[in-house]
Amino acid sequence: MNTMEINKIVAGVICAVLLVVVVGKIGGALVHPEELEAPVYPFSEDVMAGANTDAAAPSEPAGPEPILAMLASADLGQGEKVFKKCASCHDAEKGGPNKTGPNLYGIVGAHFAHKDDFSYSDGMANHGGSWDFAKLNEFLYKPRDFIDGTKMSFGGLSKASDRANVIAWLNSKSDSPMAYPDPAEAAEAAPAEDAAAPAEDAAQAAPAEDAAPAEGDAAPAEGDAAPAQ
């Protein structure tokens, strides 16, 4: 590359820089931006706080979905499959042994902590009440919320269909299974129960006295966390 070509390149670069500077000067002379005295779209901290509240994730439901209307048509085969998650800690056959948790034969309708040959936690032993369908549903939803101090480590069954199926299957494991409520009547009663729940929660600082029994779902059930026969 000779000197003439180098000079042409340097001259081209200088011209380009000068052109940019000149265009900038002309643009600045033609446009006169003015700072606004107030924002075009005013907002306040209260407005922003409201926006953050609206964007917040929905809260968890206050309690389990009622399952009384599902029991009459529950799938016992599926209930047995759900119970397999609990089988390492519970037996449900008549005359079967206690394991980490008590034997569950005849649990539906039985009193809390009713097995004399099993050592329950104080929370279960002192709870009082019986394992009816509604209490089993609540307990299996979140065991630790209903039995304070339970030894059971299982977090609960979130699906209403799983709870309905396993409760129906447990009900079949009895010398005298409980009769299921009429599906139509149970469906009509469910909204009233849901509406009454917040009032009961406000009136009682502690969970309902008759909490339902714990079942193992994803993790092995411990001690008395599951319903005891």
Protein backbone atom coordinates (compact mmCIF):
# COMPACT_ATOMS: atom_id res chain seq x y z
CA MET A 1 0.00 0.00 0.00
CA ASN A 2 1.55 3.33 -1.10
CA THR A 3 1.42 6.70 0.64
CA MET A 4 -1.38 8.00 -1.60
CA GLU A 5 -3.77 5.20 -0.59
CA ILE A 6 -3.02 5.69 3.10
CA ASN A 7 -3.75 9.40 2.78
CA LYS A 8 -7.08 8.62 1.10
CA ILE A 9 -8.10 6.30 3.95
CA VAL A 10 -7.16 8.84 6.64
CA ALA A 11 -9.00 11.59 4.77
CA GLY A 12 -12.11 9.39 4.50
CA VAL A 13 -12.12 8.69 8.24
CA ILE A 14 -11.71 12.39 9.05
CA CYS A 15 -14.55 13.30 6.70
CA ALA A 16 -16.84 10.71 8.30
CA VAL A 17 -16.13 12.05 11.79
CA LEU A 18 -16.72 15.62 10.66
CA LEU A 19 -20.00 14.60 9.02
CA VAL A 20 -21.26 13.01 12.25
CA VAL A 21 -20.32 16.11 14.25
CA VAL A 22 -22.01 18.45 11.76
CA VAL A 23 -25.21 16.36 11.65
CA GLY A 24 -25.31 16.35 15.46
CA LYS A 25 -24.95 20.10 15.61
CA ILE A 26 -27.69 20.62 13.04
CA GLY A 27 -30.01 18.23 14.89
CA GLY A 28 -29.39 20.02 18.18
CA ALA A 29 -30.21 23.34 16.56
CA LEU A 30 -33.48 22.06 15.10
CA VAL A 31 -34.76 20.17 18.16
CA HIS A 32 -35.17 21.87 21.54
CA PRO A 33 -36.24 19.28 24.19
CA GLU A 34 -38.06 20.73 27.17
CA GLU A 35 -38.19 19.11 30.59
CA LEU A 36 -41.76 18.52 31.75
CA GLU A 37 -42.85 20.01 35.04
CA ALA A 38 -44.88 16.88 35.89
CA PRO A 39 -44.92 13.30 34.57
CA VAL A 40 -47.34 12.61 31.73
CA TYR A 41 -48.48 9.45 33.55
CA PRO A 42 -48.49 10.32 37.26
CA PHE A 43 -48.27 7.53 39.80
CA SER A 44 -47.95 7.24 43.53
CA GLU A 45 -46.54 4.71 45.96
CA ASP A 46 -50.10 3.64 46.80
CA VAL A 47 -50.82 2.93 43.14
CA MET A 48 -47.63 0.93 42.78
CA ALA A 49 -48.39 -0.99 45.97
CA GLY A 50 -51.81 -1.84 44.57
CA ALA A 51 -50.24 -3.05 41.33
CA ASN A 52 -47.87 -5.29 43.26
CA THR A 53 -50.77 -6.69 45.26
CA ASP A 54 -52.74 -7.47 42.11
CA ALA A 55 -49.75 -9.22 40.60
CA ALA A 56 -49.15 -11.35 43.68
CA ALA A 57 -49.68 -15.07 43.32
CA PRO A 58 -53.08 -16.34 44.47
CA SER A 59 -53.15 -17.62 48.03
CA GLU A 60 -53.63 -21.28 48.82
CA PRO A 61 -57.18 -22.48 49.48
CA ALA A 62 -58.27 -22.23 53.11
CA GLY A 63 -58.91 -25.95 53.35
CA PRO A 64 -59.42 -29.18 51.44
CA GLU A 65 -62.05 -29.58 48.77
CA PRO A 66 -65.04 -31.49 50.22
CA ILE A 67 -65.19 -35.13 49.12
CA LEU A 68 -68.49 -36.37 50.63
CA ALA A 69 -70.27 -36.19 47.26
CA MET A 70 -67.46 -38.25 45.66
CA LEU A 71 -67.51 -41.19 48.06
CA ALA A 72 -70.46 -43.11 46.61
CA SER A 73 -68.74 -43.24 43.21
CA ALA A 74 -65.17 -43.54 44.50
CA ASP A 75 -62.81 -45.98 42.78
CA LEU A 76 -61.68 -48.57 45.34
CA GLY A 77 -59.00 -49.84 42.97
CA GLN A 78 -57.49 -46.38 42.74
CA GLY A 79 -57.84 -46.01 46.50
CA GLU A 80 -55.80 -49.17 47.01
CA LYS A 81 -53.13 -47.77 44.68
CA VAL A 82 -53.01 -44.53 46.68
CA PHE A 83 -52.68 -46.53 49.89
CA LYS A 84 -49.56 -48.24 48.55
CA LYS A 85 -47.79 -44.97 49.28
CA CYS A 86 -48.62 -45.59 52.95
CA ALA A 87 -48.04 -49.34 53.04
CA SER A 88 -44.45 -49.09 54.26
CA CYS A 89 -45.75 -47.60 57.53
CA HIS A 90 -49.33 -48.92 57.77
CA ASP A 91 -51.15 -52.22 57.42
CA ALA A 92 -54.89 -52.19 56.69
CA GLU A 93 -55.75 -55.90 56.93
CA LYS A 94 -57.79 -57.34 59.78
CA GLY A 95 -55.46 -58.67 62.44
CA GLY A 96 -52.46 -57.13 60.69
CA PRO A 97 -49.55 -55.71 62.67
CA ASN A 98 -48.75 -52.17 63.64
CA LYS A 99 -45.75 -50.79 61.80
CA THR A 100 -44.23 -47.35 62.14
CA GLY A 101 -47.87 -46.28 62.16
CA PRO A 102 -50.87 -48.16 63.57
CA ASN A 103 -52.90 -50.79 61.73
CA LEU A 104 -55.76 -49.02 59.94
CA TYR A 105 -58.36 -51.78 59.69
CA GLY A 106 -61.68 -50.33 60.84
CA ILE A 107 -60.27 -46.80 61.11
CA VAL A 108 -63.28 -45.10 59.49
CA GLY A 109 -65.69 -44.25 62.31
CA ALA A 110 -63.24 -45.23 65.06
CA HIS A 111 -62.12 -42.88 67.83
CA PHE A 112 -58.82 -41.04 67.58
CA ALA A 113 -55.93 -43.03 69.10
CA HIS A 114 -58.21 -46.01 69.80
CA LYS A 115 -55.63 -48.80 69.50
CA ASP A 116 -54.38 -49.82 72.93
CA ASP A 117 -51.36 -51.60 71.49
CA PHE A 118 -49.90 -48.54 69.76
CA SER A 119 -48.01 -45.60 71.26
CA TYR A 120 -49.48 -42.37 69.87
CA SER A 121 -48.08 -38.87 70.14
CA ASP A 122 -49.62 -36.64 72.80
CA GLY A 123 -51.29 -34.57 70.09
CA MET A 124 -53.11 -37.60 68.71
CA ALA A 125 -53.85 -39.20 72.08
CA ASN A 126 -55.37 -36.01 73.49
CA HIS A 127 -57.23 -34.91 70.39
CA GLY A 128 -60.64 -36.46 70.94
CA GLY A 129 -63.35 -37.17 68.40
CA SER A 130 -63.82 -39.86 65.77
CA TRP A 131 -62.52 -40.44 62.27
CA ASP A 132 -65.58 -39.67 60.16
CA PHE A 133 -65.33 -38.97 56.42
CA ALA A 134 -64.97 -35.19 56.81
CA LYS A 135 -62.22 -35.41 59.43
CA LEU A 136 -60.31 -37.99 57.42
CA ASN A 137 -60.51 -35.66 54.43
CA GLU A 138 -59.13 -32.72 56.42
CA PHE A 139 -56.42 -34.78 58.06
CA LEU A 140 -55.24 -36.42 54.86
CA TYR A 141 -55.07 -32.98 53.20
CA LYS A 142 -52.50 -31.60 55.67
CA PRO A 143 -51.90 -33.87 58.67
CA ARG A 144 -49.70 -31.50 60.65
CA ASP A 145 -52.24 -28.70 60.42
CA PHE A 146 -54.82 -30.82 62.25
CA ILE A 147 -52.76 -32.85 64.69
CA ASP A 148 -50.22 -30.64 66.40
CA GLY A 149 -47.13 -32.63 67.29
CA THR A 150 -47.92 -35.66 65.14
CA LYS A 151 -44.96 -37.92 64.42
CA MET A 152 -46.04 -38.36 60.83
CA SER A 153 -43.70 -36.74 58.30
CA PHE A 154 -46.05 -37.02 55.32
CA GLY A 155 -47.17 -33.68 53.85
CA GLY A 156 -50.67 -34.73 52.73
CA LEU A 157 -52.78 -35.63 49.69
CA SER A 158 -53.53 -32.51 47.64
CA LYS A 159 -55.90 -34.15 45.11
CA ALA A 160 -59.49 -34.49 46.30
CA SER A 161 -60.00 -37.59 44.14
CA ASP A 162 -57.05 -39.33 45.81
CA ARG A 163 -58.44 -38.56 49.26
CA ALA A 164 -61.94 -39.72 48.30
CA ASN A 165 -60.67 -42.96 46.77
CA VAL A 166 -58.37 -43.91 49.64
CA ILE A 167 -61.00 -43.04 52.27
CA ALA A 168 -63.55 -45.19 50.46
CA TRP A 169 -61.01 -48.02 50.28
CA LEU A 170 -60.23 -47.70 53.99
CA ASN A 171 -63.97 -47.73 54.70
CA SER A 172 -64.17 -51.09 52.95
CA LYS A 173 -61.54 -52.39 55.37
CA SER A 174 -63.98 -52.80 58.23
CA ASP A 175 -66.39 -55.29 59.77
CA SER A 176 -69.09 -52.60 59.55
CA PRO A 177 -68.32 -49.98 56.87
CA MET A 178 -69.99 -46.60 57.31
CA ALA A 179 -72.81 -45.68 54.92
CA TYR A 180 -71.94 -43.02 52.36
CA PRO A 181 -73.94 -39.78 52.32
CA ASP A 182 -76.32 -39.17 49.43
CA PRO A 183 -74.23 -37.47 46.67
CA ALA A 184 -76.90 -34.84 45.92
CA GLU A 185 -77.35 -33.91 49.58
CA ALA A 186 -73.58 -33.86 50.11
CA ALA A 187 -73.10 -31.57 47.09
CA GLU A 188 -75.73 -29.15 48.43
CA ALA A 189 -74.17 -29.17 51.89
CA ALA A 190 -70.63 -28.52 50.63
CA PRO A 191 -71.09 -24.76 49.86
CA ALA A 192 -72.60 -24.20 53.29
CA GLU A 193 -69.66 -25.96 54.92
CA ASP A 194 -67.21 -23.85 52.92
CA ALA A 195 -68.99 -20.63 53.96
CA ALA A 196 -69.02 -21.66 57.60
CA ALA A 197 -65.32 -22.55 57.69
CA PRO A 198 -63.94 -18.96 57.81
CA ALA A 199 -66.28 -18.09 60.68
CA GLU A 200 -65.15 -21.14 62.64
CA ASP A 201 -61.51 -20.30 61.98
CA ALA A 202 -62.05 -16.76 63.23
CA ALA A 203 -63.81 -17.97 66.36
CA GLN A 204 -61.20 -20.59 67.16
CA ALA A 205 -57.53 -19.77 67.24
CA ALA A 206 -56.62 -23.46 67.22
CA PRO A 207 -57.51 -26.01 64.50
CA ALA A 208 -60.84 -27.78 64.73
CA GLU A 209 -60.95 -30.15 67.67
CA ASP A 210 -61.87 -33.12 65.59
CA ALA A 211 -59.05 -33.15 63.07
CA ALA A 212 -58.84 -35.99 60.57
CA PRO A 213 -56.29 -38.86 60.50
CA ALA A 214 -53.04 -38.72 58.65
CA GLU A 215 -52.23 -40.90 55.70
CA GLY A 216 -48.90 -41.34 54.01
CA ASP A 217 -48.77 -40.12 50.43
CA ALA A 218 -45.40 -39.19 49.10
CA ALA A 219 -43.43 -39.90 52.24
CA PRO A 220 -43.68 -42.72 54.74
CA ALA A 221 -46.13 -42.07 57.51
CA GLU A 222 -44.82 -42.07 61.03
CA GLY A 223 -46.25 -43.28 64.24
CA ASP A 224 -49.72 -42.04 64.90
CA ALA A 225 -49.76 -39.59 62.06
CA ALA A 226 -52.07 -41.92 60.26
CA PRO A 227 -55.52 -42.80 61.52
CA ALA A 228 -55.42 -45.41 64.19
CA GLN A 229 -57.91 -48.16 64.49
